[in-house]
Amino acid sequence: MSDCQDSGGCRDEQMRRIYEYLDGALSTEDLEDIRAHLEGCETCSREYDLECLIRSAVKRSCCEPAPETLKHSILERIDDLRASPETASHGHEDVAEEALRQSWAGTAPR
C-alpha cells in the first residue's frame, strides 16, 4: 500500500512531485522514486494519467504561436514586480506567477 493510500489520498506534496515529473524538473533519483510510486499508487497513477490527457489536449488546441512581444512583456513585468516593495519579499516563483497573471489579465502597469 502506498503512502497516499495510507493517508487517505494523494497529498499535495506528492501531486507537486507528479507535476514536476511531467515537467521534467526532477533529478534522476527523484525520477526513479516517482516512477516507482506511480506504479504502486492507483490514486496518483489516475491523477498522472488525467494530467497527461489534459496536457495533450492543450498542446493539440494551442497551434497558434504567442506574439513575439509576449516574452519581452512578461520579463519586463517580472523585473517591475521584483523591484516593487510589495513583492520584494516574495519568492521568485510568486513574482513570476504574478507577472504571468497580470500579463494575461492586462493589469500590469507598463
PDB file of N, CA and C in Angstrom:
ATOM      1  N   MET A   1       0.853  -1.183   0.000  1.00  0.00           N
ATOM      2  CA  MET A   1       0.000   0.000   0.000  1.00  0.00           C
ATOM      3  C   MET A   1       0.892   1.238   0.000  1.00  0.00           C
ATOM      4  N   SER A   2       0.558   2.231  -0.796  1.00  0.00           N
ATOM      5  CA  SER A   2       1.402   3.427  -0.900  1.00  0.00           C
ATOM      6  C   SER A   2       1.118   4.398   0.228  1.00  0.00           C
ATOM      7  N   ASP A   3       2.009   5.377   0.374  1.00  0.00           N
ATOM      8  CA  ASP A   3       1.816   6.391   1.403  1.00  0.00           C
ATOM      9  C   ASP A   3       0.552   7.209   1.151  1.00  0.00           C
ATOM     10  N   CYS A   4       0.164   7.388  -0.092  1.00  0.00           N
ATOM     11  CA  CYS A   4      -1.061   8.136  -0.403  1.00  0.00           C
ATOM     12  C   CYS A   4      -2.288   7.360   0.069  1.00  0.00           C
ATOM     13  N   GLN A   5      -2.293   6.060  -0.166  1.00  0.00           N
ATOM     14  CA  GLN A   5      -3.433   5.259   0.264  1.00  0.00           C
ATOM     15  C   GLN A   5      -3.494   5.186   1.783  1.00  0.00           C
ATOM     16  N   ASP A   6      -2.334   5.116   2.435  1.00  0.00           N
ATOM     17  CA  ASP A   6      -2.301   5.074   3.896  1.00  0.00           C
ATOM     18  C   ASP A   6      -2.887   6.334   4.504  1.00  0.00           C
ATOM     19  N   SER A   7      -2.668   7.474   3.861  1.00  0.00           N
ATOM     20  CA  SER A   7      -3.132   8.739   4.426  1.00  0.00           C
ATOM     21  C   SER A   7      -4.493   9.160   3.892  1.00  0.00           C
ATOM     22  N   GLY A   8      -5.145   8.307   3.120  1.00  0.00           N
ATOM     23  CA  GLY A   8      -6.490   8.600   2.648  1.00  0.00           C
ATOM     24  C   GLY A   8      -6.550   9.315   1.314  1.00  0.00           C
ATOM     25  N   GLY A   9      -5.476   9.412   0.596  1.00  0.00           N
ATOM     26  CA  GLY A   9      -5.482  10.044  -0.714  1.00  0.00           C
ATOM     27  C   GLY A   9      -4.159  10.726  -1.006  1.00  0.00           C
ATOM     28  N   CYS A  10      -4.065  11.278  -2.192  1.00  0.00           N
ATOM     29  CA  CYS A  10      -2.830  11.941  -2.609  1.00  0.00           C
ATOM     30  C   CYS A  10      -2.601  13.191  -1.772  1.00  0.00           C
ATOM     31  N   ARG A  11      -1.398  13.336  -1.315  1.00  0.00           N
ATOM     32  CA  ARG A  11      -1.020  14.536  -0.567  1.00  0.00           C
ATOM     33  C   ARG A  11      -0.601  15.606  -1.566  1.00  0.00           C
ATOM     34  N   ASP A  12      -0.681  16.845  -1.147  1.00  0.00           N
ATOM     35  CA  ASP A  12      -0.278  17.960  -2.004  1.00  0.00           C
ATOM     36  C   ASP A  12       1.170  17.805  -2.460  1.00  0.00           C
ATOM     37  N   GLU A  13       2.043  17.380  -1.555  1.00  0.00           N
ATOM     38  CA  GLU A  13       3.459  17.213  -1.883  1.00  0.00           C
ATOM     39  C   GLU A  13       3.642  16.173  -2.985  1.00  0.00           C
ATOM     40  N   GLN A  14       2.914  15.083  -2.897  1.00  0.00           N
ATOM     41  CA  GLN A  14       3.031  14.032  -3.909  1.00  0.00           C
ATOM     42  C   GLN A  14       2.528  14.535  -5.258  1.00  0.00           C
ATOM     43  N   MET A  15       1.454  15.299  -5.260  1.00  0.00           N
ATOM     44  CA  MET A  15       0.931  15.842  -6.511  1.00  0.00           C
ATOM     45  C   MET A  15       1.916  16.855  -7.104  1.00  0.00           C
ATOM     46  N   ARG A  16       2.546  17.660  -6.275  1.00  0.00           N
ATOM     47  CA  ARG A  16       3.550  18.608  -6.756  1.00  0.00           C
ATOM     48  C   ARG A  16       4.687  17.854  -7.438  1.00  0.00           C
ATOM     49  N   ARG A  17       5.089  16.749  -6.855  1.00  0.00           N
ATOM     50  CA  ARG A  17       6.165  15.944  -7.452  1.00  0.00           C
ATOM     51  C   ARG A  17       5.720  15.337  -8.781  1.00  0.00           C
ATOM     52  N   ILE A  18       4.461  14.959  -8.892  1.00  0.00           N
ATOM     53  CA  ILE A  18       3.954  14.426 -10.168  1.00  0.00           C
ATOM     54  C   ILE A  18       4.013  15.510 -11.236  1.00  0.00           C
ATOM     55  N   TYR A  19       3.630  16.734 -10.900  1.00  0.00           N
ATOM     56  CA  TYR A  19       3.718  17.837 -11.867  1.00  0.00           C
ATOM     57  C   TYR A  19       5.169  18.106 -12.251  1.00  0.00           C
ATOM     58  N   GLU A  20       6.064  18.066 -11.279  1.00  0.00           N
ATOM     59  CA  GLU A  20       7.493  18.248 -11.580  1.00  0.00           C
ATOM     60  C   GLU A  20       7.997  17.126 -12.484  1.00  0.00           C
ATOM     61  N   TYR A  21       7.523  15.926 -12.260  1.00  0.00           N
ATOM     62  CA  TYR A  21       7.874  14.774 -13.096  1.00  0.00           C
ATOM     63  C   TYR A  21       7.431  15.030 -14.538  1.00  0.00           C
ATOM     64  N   LEU A  22       6.209  15.475 -14.701  1.00  0.00           N
ATOM     65  CA  LEU A  22       5.691  15.765 -16.039  1.00  0.00           C
ATOM     66  C   LEU A  22       6.445  16.906 -16.708  1.00  0.00           C
ATOM     67  N   ASP A  23       6.924  17.846 -15.913  1.00  0.00           N
ATOM     68  CA  ASP A  23       7.659  18.996 -16.445  1.00  0.00           C
ATOM     69  C   ASP A  23       9.136  18.697 -16.677  1.00  0.00           C
ATOM     70  N   GLY A  24       9.587  17.498 -16.283  1.00  0.00           N
ATOM     71  CA  GLY A  24      10.999  17.141 -16.441  1.00  0.00           C
ATOM     72  C   GLY A  24      11.895  17.888 -15.473  1.00  0.00           C
ATOM     73  N   ALA A  25      11.372  18.219 -14.295  1.00  0.00           N
ATOM     74  CA  ALA A  25      12.117  19.036 -13.343  1.00  0.00           C
ATOM     75  C   ALA A  25      12.637  18.243 -12.143  1.00  0.00           C
ATOM     76  N   LEU A  26      12.781  16.928 -12.276  1.00  0.00           N
ATOM     77  CA  LEU A  26      13.254  16.110 -11.163  1.00  0.00           C
ATOM     78  C   LEU A  26      14.643  15.562 -11.450  1.00  0.00           C
ATOM     79  N   SER A  27      15.374  15.299 -10.375  1.00  0.00           N
ATOM     80  CA  SER A  27      16.682  14.659 -10.513  1.00  0.00           C
ATOM     81  C   SER A  27      16.481  13.200 -10.916  1.00  0.00           C
ATOM     82  N   THR A  28      17.549  12.541 -11.317  1.00  0.00           N
ATOM     83  CA  THR A  28      17.465  11.135 -11.720  1.00  0.00           C
ATOM     84  C   THR A  28      16.925  10.280 -10.584  1.00  0.00           C
ATOM     85  N   GLU A  29      17.396  10.522  -9.383  1.00  0.00           N
ATOM     86  CA  GLU A  29      16.928   9.755  -8.221  1.00  0.00           C
ATOM     87  C   GLU A  29      15.437   9.989  -7.980  1.00  0.00           C
ATOM     88  N   ASP A  30      15.019  11.264  -8.052  1.00  0.00           N
ATOM     89  CA  ASP A  30      13.604  11.583  -7.858  1.00  0.00           C
ATOM     90  C   ASP A  30      12.737  10.985  -8.962  1.00  0.00           C
ATOM     91  N   LEU A  31      13.270  10.936 -10.198  1.00  0.00           N
ATOM     92  CA  LEU A  31      12.530  10.310 -11.293  1.00  0.00           C
ATOM     93  C   LEU A  31      12.232   8.853 -10.982  1.00  0.00           C
ATOM     94  N   GLU A  32      13.235   8.157 -10.491  1.00  0.00           N
ATOM     95  CA  GLU A  32      13.051   6.742 -10.151  1.00  0.00           C
ATOM     96  C   GLU A  32      12.036   6.581  -9.030  1.00  0.00           C
ATOM     97  N   ASP A  33      12.111   7.465  -8.019  1.00  0.00           N
ATOM     98  CA  ASP A  33      11.168   7.406  -6.897  1.00  0.00           C
ATOM     99  C   ASP A  33       9.733   7.627  -7.363  1.00  0.00           C
ATOM    100  N   ILE A  34       9.511   8.635  -8.190  1.00  0.00           N
ATOM    101  CA  ILE A  34       8.141   8.947  -8.607  1.00  0.00           C
ATOM    102  C   ILE A  34       7.600   7.874  -9.547  1.00  0.00           C
ATOM    103  N   ARG A  35       8.470   7.339 -10.419  1.00  0.00           N
ATOM    104  CA  ARG A  35       8.027   6.231 -11.286  1.00  0.00           C
ATOM    105  C   ARG A  35       7.573   5.044 -10.453  1.00  0.00           C
ATOM    106  N   ALA A  36       8.358   4.701  -9.444  1.00  0.00           N
ATOM    107  CA  ALA A  36       8.001   3.578  -8.566  1.00  0.00           C
ATOM    108  C   ALA A  36       6.700   3.882  -7.827  1.00  0.00           C
ATOM    109  N   HIS A  37       6.554   5.107  -7.377  1.00  0.00           N
ATOM    110  CA  HIS A  37       5.331   5.479  -6.667  1.00  0.00           C
ATOM    111  C   HIS A  37       4.114   5.365  -7.590  1.00  0.00           C
ATOM    112  N   LEU A  38       4.249   5.855  -8.813  1.00  0.00           N
ATOM    113  CA  LEU A  38       3.122   5.797  -9.751  1.00  0.00           C
ATOM    114  C   LEU A  38       2.732   4.363 -10.070  1.00  0.00           C
ATOM    115  N   GLU A  39       3.707   3.471 -10.113  1.00  0.00           N
ATOM    116  CA  GLU A  39       3.405   2.056 -10.365  1.00  0.00           C
ATOM    117  C   GLU A  39       2.636   1.429  -9.207  1.00  0.00           C
ATOM    118  N   GLY A  40       2.874   1.922  -7.983  1.00  0.00           N
ATOM    119  CA  GLY A  40       2.261   1.308  -6.814  1.00  0.00           C
ATOM    120  C   GLY A  40       1.066   2.041  -6.240  1.00  0.00           C
ATOM    121  N   CYS A  41       0.758   3.218  -6.745  1.00  0.00           N
ATOM    122  CA  CYS A  41      -0.340   4.010  -6.177  1.00  0.00           C
ATOM    123  C   CYS A  41      -1.381   4.283  -7.255  1.00  0.00           C
ATOM    124  N   GLU A  42      -2.499   3.648  -7.123  1.00  0.00           N
ATOM    125  CA  GLU A  42      -3.571   3.803  -8.109  1.00  0.00           C
ATOM    126  C   GLU A  42      -4.105   5.234  -8.147  1.00  0.00           C
ATOM    127  N   THR A  43      -4.208   5.866  -6.988  1.00  0.00           N
ATOM    128  CA  THR A  43      -4.722   7.230  -6.919  1.00  0.00           C
ATOM    129  C   THR A  43      -3.825   8.194  -7.688  1.00  0.00           C
ATOM    130  N   CYS A  44      -2.533   8.143  -7.401  1.00  0.00           N
ATOM    131  CA  CYS A  44      -1.594   9.041  -8.078  1.00  0.00           C
ATOM    132  C   CYS A  44      -1.475   8.684  -9.552  1.00  0.00           C
ATOM    133  N   SER A  45      -1.548   7.414  -9.868  1.00  0.00           N
ATOM    134  CA  SER A  45      -1.476   6.983 -11.265  1.00  0.00           C
ATOM    135  C   SER A  45      -2.648   7.546 -12.071  1.00  0.00           C
ATOM    136  N   ARG A  46      -3.834   7.549 -11.479  1.00  0.00           N
ATOM    137  CA  ARG A  46      -5.005   8.128 -12.150  1.00  0.00           C
ATOM    138  C   ARG A  46      -4.822   9.637 -12.350  1.00  0.00           C
ATOM    139  N   GLU A  47      -4.315  10.321 -11.317  1.00  0.00           N
ATOM    140  CA  GLU A  47      -4.073  11.757 -11.428  1.00  0.00           C
ATOM    141  C   GLU A  47      -3.032  12.052 -12.504  1.00  0.00           C
ATOM    142  N   TYR A  48      -1.995  11.230 -12.560  1.00  0.00           N
ATOM    143  CA  TYR A  48      -0.951  11.374 -13.570  1.00  0.00           C
ATOM    144  C   TYR A  48      -1.549  11.199 -14.966  1.00  0.00           C
ATOM    145  N   ASP A  49      -2.348  10.148 -15.154  1.00  0.00           N
ATOM    146  CA  ASP A  49      -2.972   9.897 -16.456  1.00  0.00           C
ATOM    147  C   ASP A  49      -3.881  11.047 -16.869  1.00  0.00           C
ATOM    148  N   LEU A  50      -4.650  11.578 -15.921  1.00  0.00           N
ATOM    149  CA  LEU A  50      -5.541  12.699 -16.208  1.00  0.00           C
ATOM    150  C   LEU A  50      -4.737  13.925 -16.621  1.00  0.00           C
ATOM    151  N   GLU A  51      -3.666  14.212 -15.904  1.00  0.00           N
ATOM    152  CA  GLU A  51      -2.833  15.371 -16.232  1.00  0.00           C
ATOM    153  C   GLU A  51      -2.201  15.197 -17.614  1.00  0.00           C
ATOM    154  N   CYS A  52      -1.798  13.973 -17.953  1.00  0.00           N
ATOM    155  CA  CYS A  52      -1.244  13.706 -19.293  1.00  0.00           C
ATOM    156  C   CYS A  52      -2.285  13.990 -20.373  1.00  0.00           C
ATOM    157  N   LEU A  53      -3.526  13.569 -20.151  1.00  0.00           N
ATOM    158  CA  LEU A  53      -4.599  13.822 -21.111  1.00  0.00           C
ATOM    159  C   LEU A  53      -4.858  15.318 -21.265  1.00  0.00           C
ATOM    160  N   ILE A  54      -4.886  16.028 -20.155  1.00  0.00           N
ATOM    161  CA  ILE A  54      -5.125  17.478 -20.199  1.00  0.00           C
ATOM    162  C   ILE A  54      -4.007  18.168 -20.967  1.00  0.00           C
ATOM    163  N   ARG A  55      -2.766  17.824 -20.660  1.00  0.00           N
ATOM    164  CA  ARG A  55      -1.633  18.457 -21.342  1.00  0.00           C
ATOM    165  C   ARG A  55      -1.643  18.140 -22.833  1.00  0.00           C
ATOM    166  N   SER A  56      -2.013  16.926 -23.186  1.00  0.00           N
ATOM    167  CA  SER A  56      -2.087  16.544 -24.594  1.00  0.00           C
ATOM    168  C   SER A  56      -3.167  17.349 -25.321  1.00  0.00           C
ATOM    169  N   ALA A  57      -4.320  17.505 -24.678  1.00  0.00           N
ATOM    170  CA  ALA A  57      -5.414  18.278 -25.285  1.00  0.00           C
ATOM    171  C   ALA A  57      -5.017  19.742 -25.453  1.00  0.00           C
ATOM    172  N   VAL A  58      -4.337  20.290 -24.466  1.00  0.00           N
ATOM    173  CA  VAL A  58      -3.903  21.686 -24.550  1.00  0.00           C
ATOM    174  C   VAL A  58      -2.906  21.855 -25.691  1.00  0.00           C
ATOM    175  N   LYS A  59      -1.965  20.928 -25.811  1.00  0.00           N
ATOM    176  CA  LYS A  59      -0.977  21.011 -26.894  1.00  0.00           C
ATOM    177  C   LYS A  59      -1.654  20.960 -28.262  1.00  0.00           C
ATOM    178  N   ARG A  60      -2.642  20.098 -28.415  1.00  0.00           N
ATOM    179  CA  ARG A  60      -3.354  19.990 -29.696  1.00  0.00           C
ATOM    180  C   ARG A  60      -4.171  21.245 -29.981  1.00  0.00           C
ATOM    181  N   SER A  61      -4.676  21.869 -28.934  1.00  0.00           N
ATOM    182  CA  SER A  61      -5.539  23.039 -29.089  1.00  0.00           C
ATOM    183  C   SER A  61      -4.767  24.324 -29.332  1.00  0.00           C
ATOM    184  N   CYS A  62      -3.549  24.359 -28.914  1.00  0.00           N
ATOM    185  CA  CYS A  62      -2.761  25.593 -28.963  1.00  0.00           C
ATOM    186  C   CYS A  62      -1.799  25.574 -30.139  1.00  0.00           C
ATOM    187  N   CYS A  63      -2.320  25.719 -31.324  1.00  0.00           N
ATOM    188  CA  CYS A  63      -1.489  25.713 -32.522  1.00  0.00           C
ATOM    189  C   CYS A  63      -0.979  27.106 -32.866  1.00  0.00           C
ATOM    190  N   GLU A  64      -1.635  28.100 -32.339  1.00  0.00           N
ATOM    191  CA  GLU A  64      -1.285  29.480 -32.652  1.00  0.00           C
ATOM    192  C   GLU A  64      -0.088  29.918 -31.809  1.00  0.00           C
ATOM    193  N   PRO A  65       0.965  30.403 -32.428  1.00  0.00           N
ATOM    194  CA  PRO A  65       2.124  30.845 -31.648  1.00  0.00           C
ATOM    195  C   PRO A  65       1.816  32.142 -30.885  1.00  0.00           C
ATOM    196  N   ALA A  66       2.491  32.282 -29.765  1.00  0.00           N
ATOM    197  CA  ALA A  66       2.325  33.501 -28.963  1.00  0.00           C
ATOM    198  C   ALA A  66       2.986  34.669 -29.684  1.00  0.00           C
ATOM    199  N   PRO A  67       2.484  35.872 -29.481  1.00  0.00           N
ATOM    200  CA  PRO A  67       3.109  37.043 -30.107  1.00  0.00           C
ATOM    201  C   PRO A  67       4.562  37.192 -29.647  1.00  0.00           C
ATOM    202  N   GLU A  68       5.401  37.687 -30.518  1.00  0.00           N
ATOM    203  CA  GLU A  68       6.822  37.871 -30.211  1.00  0.00           C
ATOM    204  C   GLU A  68       7.040  38.789 -29.011  1.00  0.00           C
ATOM    205  N   THR A  69       6.151  39.722 -28.822  1.00  0.00           N
ATOM    206  CA  THR A  69       6.311  40.695 -27.738  1.00  0.00           C
ATOM    207  C   THR A  69       5.912  40.134 -26.376  1.00  0.00           C
ATOM    208  N   LEU A  70       5.263  38.975 -26.339  1.00  0.00           N
ATOM    209  CA  LEU A  70       4.765  38.433 -25.077  1.00  0.00           C
ATOM    210  C   LEU A  70       5.903  38.151 -24.098  1.00  0.00           C
ATOM    211  N   LYS A  71       6.953  37.458 -24.536  1.00  0.00           N
ATOM    212  CA  LYS A  71       8.066  37.140 -23.642  1.00  0.00           C
ATOM    213  C   LYS A  71       8.689  38.418 -23.097  1.00  0.00           C
ATOM    214  N   HIS A  72       8.918  39.371 -23.957  1.00  0.00           N
ATOM    215  CA  HIS A  72       9.506  40.640 -23.529  1.00  0.00           C
ATOM    216  C   HIS A  72       8.611  41.319 -22.490  1.00  0.00           C
ATOM    217  N   SER A  73       7.327  41.337 -22.743  1.00  0.00           N
ATOM    218  CA  SER A  73       6.379  41.966 -21.837  1.00  0.00           C
ATOM    219  C   SER A  73       6.372  41.269 -20.469  1.00  0.00           C
ATOM    220  N   ILE A  74       6.375  39.953 -20.466  1.00  0.00           N
ATOM    221  CA  ILE A  74       6.366  39.204 -19.208  1.00  0.00           C
ATOM    222  C   ILE A  74       7.659  39.443 -18.436  1.00  0.00           C
ATOM    223  N   LEU A  75       8.800  39.422 -19.119  1.00  0.00           N
ATOM    224  CA  LEU A  75      10.071  39.669 -18.446  1.00  0.00           C
ATOM    225  C   LEU A  75      10.136  41.077 -17.860  1.00  0.00           C
ATOM    226  N   GLU A  76       9.599  42.060 -18.564  1.00  0.00           N
ATOM    227  CA  GLU A  76       9.546  43.429 -18.025  1.00  0.00           C
ATOM    228  C   GLU A  76       8.699  43.476 -16.759  1.00  0.00           C
ATOM    229  N   ARG A  77       7.589  42.788 -16.782  1.00  0.00           N
ATOM    230  CA  ARG A  77       6.701  42.798 -15.619  1.00  0.00           C
ATOM    231  C   ARG A  77       7.338  42.068 -14.438  1.00  0.00           C
ATOM    232  N   ILE A  78       8.075  41.007 -14.707  1.00  0.00           N
ATOM    233  CA  ILE A  78       8.790  40.321 -13.628  1.00  0.00           C
ATOM    234  C   ILE A  78       9.804  41.271 -13.003  1.00  0.00           C
ATOM    235  N   ASP A  79      10.556  41.983 -13.840  1.00  0.00           N
ATOM    236  CA  ASP A  79      11.526  42.955 -13.325  1.00  0.00           C
ATOM    237  C   ASP A  79      10.827  44.029 -12.493  1.00  0.00           C
ATOM    238  N   ASP A  80       9.700  44.541 -12.993  1.00  0.00           N
ATOM    239  CA  ASP A  80       8.946  45.561 -12.261  1.00  0.00           C
ATOM    240  C   ASP A  80       8.457  45.029 -10.911  1.00  0.00           C
ATOM    241  N   LEU A  81       7.957  43.802 -10.902  1.00  0.00           N
ATOM    242  CA  LEU A  81       7.453  43.217  -9.662  1.00  0.00           C
ATOM    243  C   LEU A  81       8.581  42.947  -8.676  1.00  0.00           C
ATOM    244  N   ARG A  82       9.726  42.505  -9.172  1.00  0.00           N
ATOM    245  CA  ARG A  82      10.870  42.267  -8.283  1.00  0.00           C
ATOM    246  C   ARG A  82      11.322  43.574  -7.630  1.00  0.00           C
ATOM    247  N   ALA A  83      11.232  44.673  -8.352  1.00  0.00           N
ATOM    248  CA  ALA A  83      11.663  45.969  -7.835  1.00  0.00           C
ATOM    249  C   ALA A  83      10.617  46.592  -6.909  1.00  0.00           C
ATOM    250  N   SER A  84       9.397  46.115  -6.981  1.00  0.00           N
ATOM    251  CA  SER A  84       8.304  46.668  -6.176  1.00  0.00           C
ATOM    252  C   SER A  84       8.470  46.273  -4.711  1.00  0.00           C
ATOM    253  N   PRO A  85       8.285  47.234  -3.777  1.00  0.00           N
ATOM    254  CA  PRO A  85       8.403  46.917  -2.348  1.00  0.00           C
ATOM    255  C   PRO A  85       7.374  45.875  -1.895  1.00  0.00           C
ATOM    256  N   GLU A  86       6.215  45.848  -2.535  1.00  0.00           N
ATOM    257  CA  GLU A  86       5.170  44.900  -2.136  1.00  0.00           C
ATOM    258  C   GLU A  86       5.548  43.457  -2.440  1.00  0.00           C
ATOM    259  N   THR A  87       6.343  43.224  -3.490  1.00  0.00           N
ATOM    260  CA  THR A  87       6.678  41.849  -3.879  1.00  0.00           C
ATOM    261  C   THR A  87       8.133  41.496  -3.633  1.00  0.00           C
ATOM    262  N   ALA A  88       8.928  42.420  -3.127  1.00  0.00           N
ATOM    263  CA  ALA A  88      10.364  42.170  -2.928  1.00  0.00           C
ATOM    264  C   ALA A  88      10.610  41.013  -1.970  1.00  0.00           C
ATOM    265  N   SER A  89       9.719  40.795  -1.014  1.00  0.00           N
ATOM    266  CA  SER A  89       9.924  39.728  -0.035  1.00  0.00           C
ATOM    267  C   SER A  89       9.387  38.383  -0.506  1.00  0.00           C
ATOM    268  N   HIS A  90       8.714  38.331  -1.637  1.00  0.00           N
ATOM    269  CA  HIS A  90       8.163  37.076  -2.152  1.00  0.00           C
ATOM    270  C   HIS A  90       9.235  36.293  -2.886  1.00  0.00           C
ATOM    271  N   GLY A  91       8.999  34.986  -3.034  1.00  0.00           N
ATOM    272  CA  GLY A  91       9.929  34.152  -3.782  1.00  0.00           C
ATOM    273  C   GLY A  91       9.835  34.420  -5.272  1.00  0.00           C
ATOM    274  N   HIS A  92      10.828  33.947  -6.022  1.00  0.00           N
ATOM    275  CA  HIS A  92      10.855  34.147  -7.475  1.00  0.00           C
ATOM    276  C   HIS A  92       9.635  33.541  -8.150  1.00  0.00           C
ATOM    277  N   GLU A  93       9.174  32.377  -7.651  1.00  0.00           N
ATOM    278  CA  GLU A  93       8.005  31.739  -8.253  1.00  0.00           C
ATOM    279  C   GLU A  93       6.769  32.602  -8.088  1.00  0.00           C
ATOM    280  N   ASP A  94       6.619  33.219  -6.903  1.00  0.00           N
ATOM    281  CA  ASP A  94       5.471  34.086  -6.655  1.00  0.00           C
ATOM    282  C   ASP A  94       5.488  35.293  -7.590  1.00  0.00           C
ATOM    283  N   VAL A  95       6.665  35.884  -7.776  1.00  0.00           N
ATOM    284  CA  VAL A  95       6.794  37.055  -8.635  1.00  0.00           C
ATOM    285  C   VAL A  95       6.489  36.674 -10.079  1.00  0.00           C
ATOM    286  N   ALA A  96       7.036  35.557 -10.536  1.00  0.00           N
ATOM    287  CA  ALA A  96       6.793  35.118 -11.913  1.00  0.00           C
ATOM    288  C   ALA A  96       5.318  34.802 -12.126  1.00  0.00           C
ATOM    289  N   GLU A  97       4.712  34.126 -11.143  1.00  0.00           N
ATOM    290  CA  GLU A  97       3.291  33.794 -11.260  1.00  0.00           C
ATOM    291  C   GLU A  97       2.441  35.051 -11.332  1.00  0.00           C
ATOM    292  N   GLU A  98       2.756  36.027 -10.503  1.00  0.00           N
ATOM    293  CA  GLU A  98       2.003  37.286 -10.509  1.00  0.00           C
ATOM    294  C   GLU A  98       2.187  38.014 -11.838  1.00  0.00           C
ATOM    295  N   ALA A  99       3.404  38.000 -12.380  1.00  0.00           N
ATOM    296  CA  ALA A  99       3.649  38.660 -13.664  1.00  0.00           C
ATOM    297  C   ALA A  99       2.848  37.994 -14.767  1.00  0.00           C
ATOM    298  N   LEU A 100       2.808  36.677 -14.763  1.00  0.00           N
ATOM    299  CA  LEU A 100       2.014  35.972 -15.776  1.00  0.00           C
ATOM    300  C   LEU A 100       0.535  36.273 -15.625  1.00  0.00           C
ATOM    301  N   ARG A 101       0.070  36.260 -14.373  1.00  0.00           N
ATOM    302  CA  ARG A 101      -1.348  36.544 -14.131  1.00  0.00           C
ATOM    303  C   ARG A 101      -1.692  37.937 -14.639  1.00  0.00           C
ATOM    304  N   GLN A 102      -0.846  38.904 -14.331  1.00  0.00           N
ATOM    305  CA  GLN A 102      -1.101  40.269 -14.773  1.00  0.00           C
ATOM    306  C   GLN A 102      -1.001  40.389 -16.289  1.00  0.00           C
ATOM    307  N   SER A 103      -0.073  39.661 -16.901  1.00  0.00           N
ATOM    308  CA  SER A 103       0.064  39.716 -18.362  1.00  0.00           C
ATOM    309  C   SER A 103      -1.196  39.234 -19.042  1.00  0.00           C
ATOM    310  N   TRP A 104      -1.741  38.134 -18.548  1.00  0.00           N
ATOM    311  CA  TRP A 104      -2.953  37.599 -19.178  1.00  0.00           C
ATOM    312  C   TRP A 104      -4.152  38.469 -18.886  1.00  0.00           C
ATOM    313  N   ALA A 105      -4.172  39.097 -17.695  1.00  0.00           N
ATOM    314  CA  ALA A 105      -5.295  39.958 -17.343  1.00  0.00           C
ATOM    315  C   ALA A 105      -5.130  41.363 -17.899  1.00  0.00           C
ATOM    316  N   GLY A 106      -3.923  41.704 -18.319  1.00  0.00           N
ATOM    317  CA  GLY A 106      -3.655  43.030 -18.852  1.00  0.00           C
ATOM    318  C   GLY A 106      -3.691  44.108 -17.799  1.00  0.00           C
ATOM    319  N   THR A 107      -3.344  43.754 -16.535  1.00  0.00           N
ATOM    320  CA  THR A 107      -3.459  44.720 -15.454  1.00  0.00           C
ATOM    321  C   THR A 107      -2.145  45.329 -15.020  1.00  0.00           C
ATOM    322  N   ALA A 108      -1.025  44.839 -15.500  1.00  0.00           N
ATOM    323  CA  ALA A 108       0.260  45.366 -15.035  1.00  0.00           C
ATOM    324  C   ALA A 108       0.539  46.712 -15.679  1.00  0.00           C
ATOM    325  N   PRO A 109       1.121  47.609 -14.897  1.00  0.00           N
ATOM    326  CA  PRO A 109       1.486  48.909 -15.490  1.00  0.00           C
ATOM    327  C   PRO A 109       2.633  48.740 -16.457  1.00  0.00           C
ATOM    328  N   ARG A 110       2.681  49.553 -17.443  1.00  0.00           N
ATOM    329  CA  ARG A 110       3.760  49.473 -18.453  1.00  0.00           C
ATOM    330  C   ARG A 110       4.796  50.495 -18.175  1.00  0.00           C
TER     331      ARG A 110
END
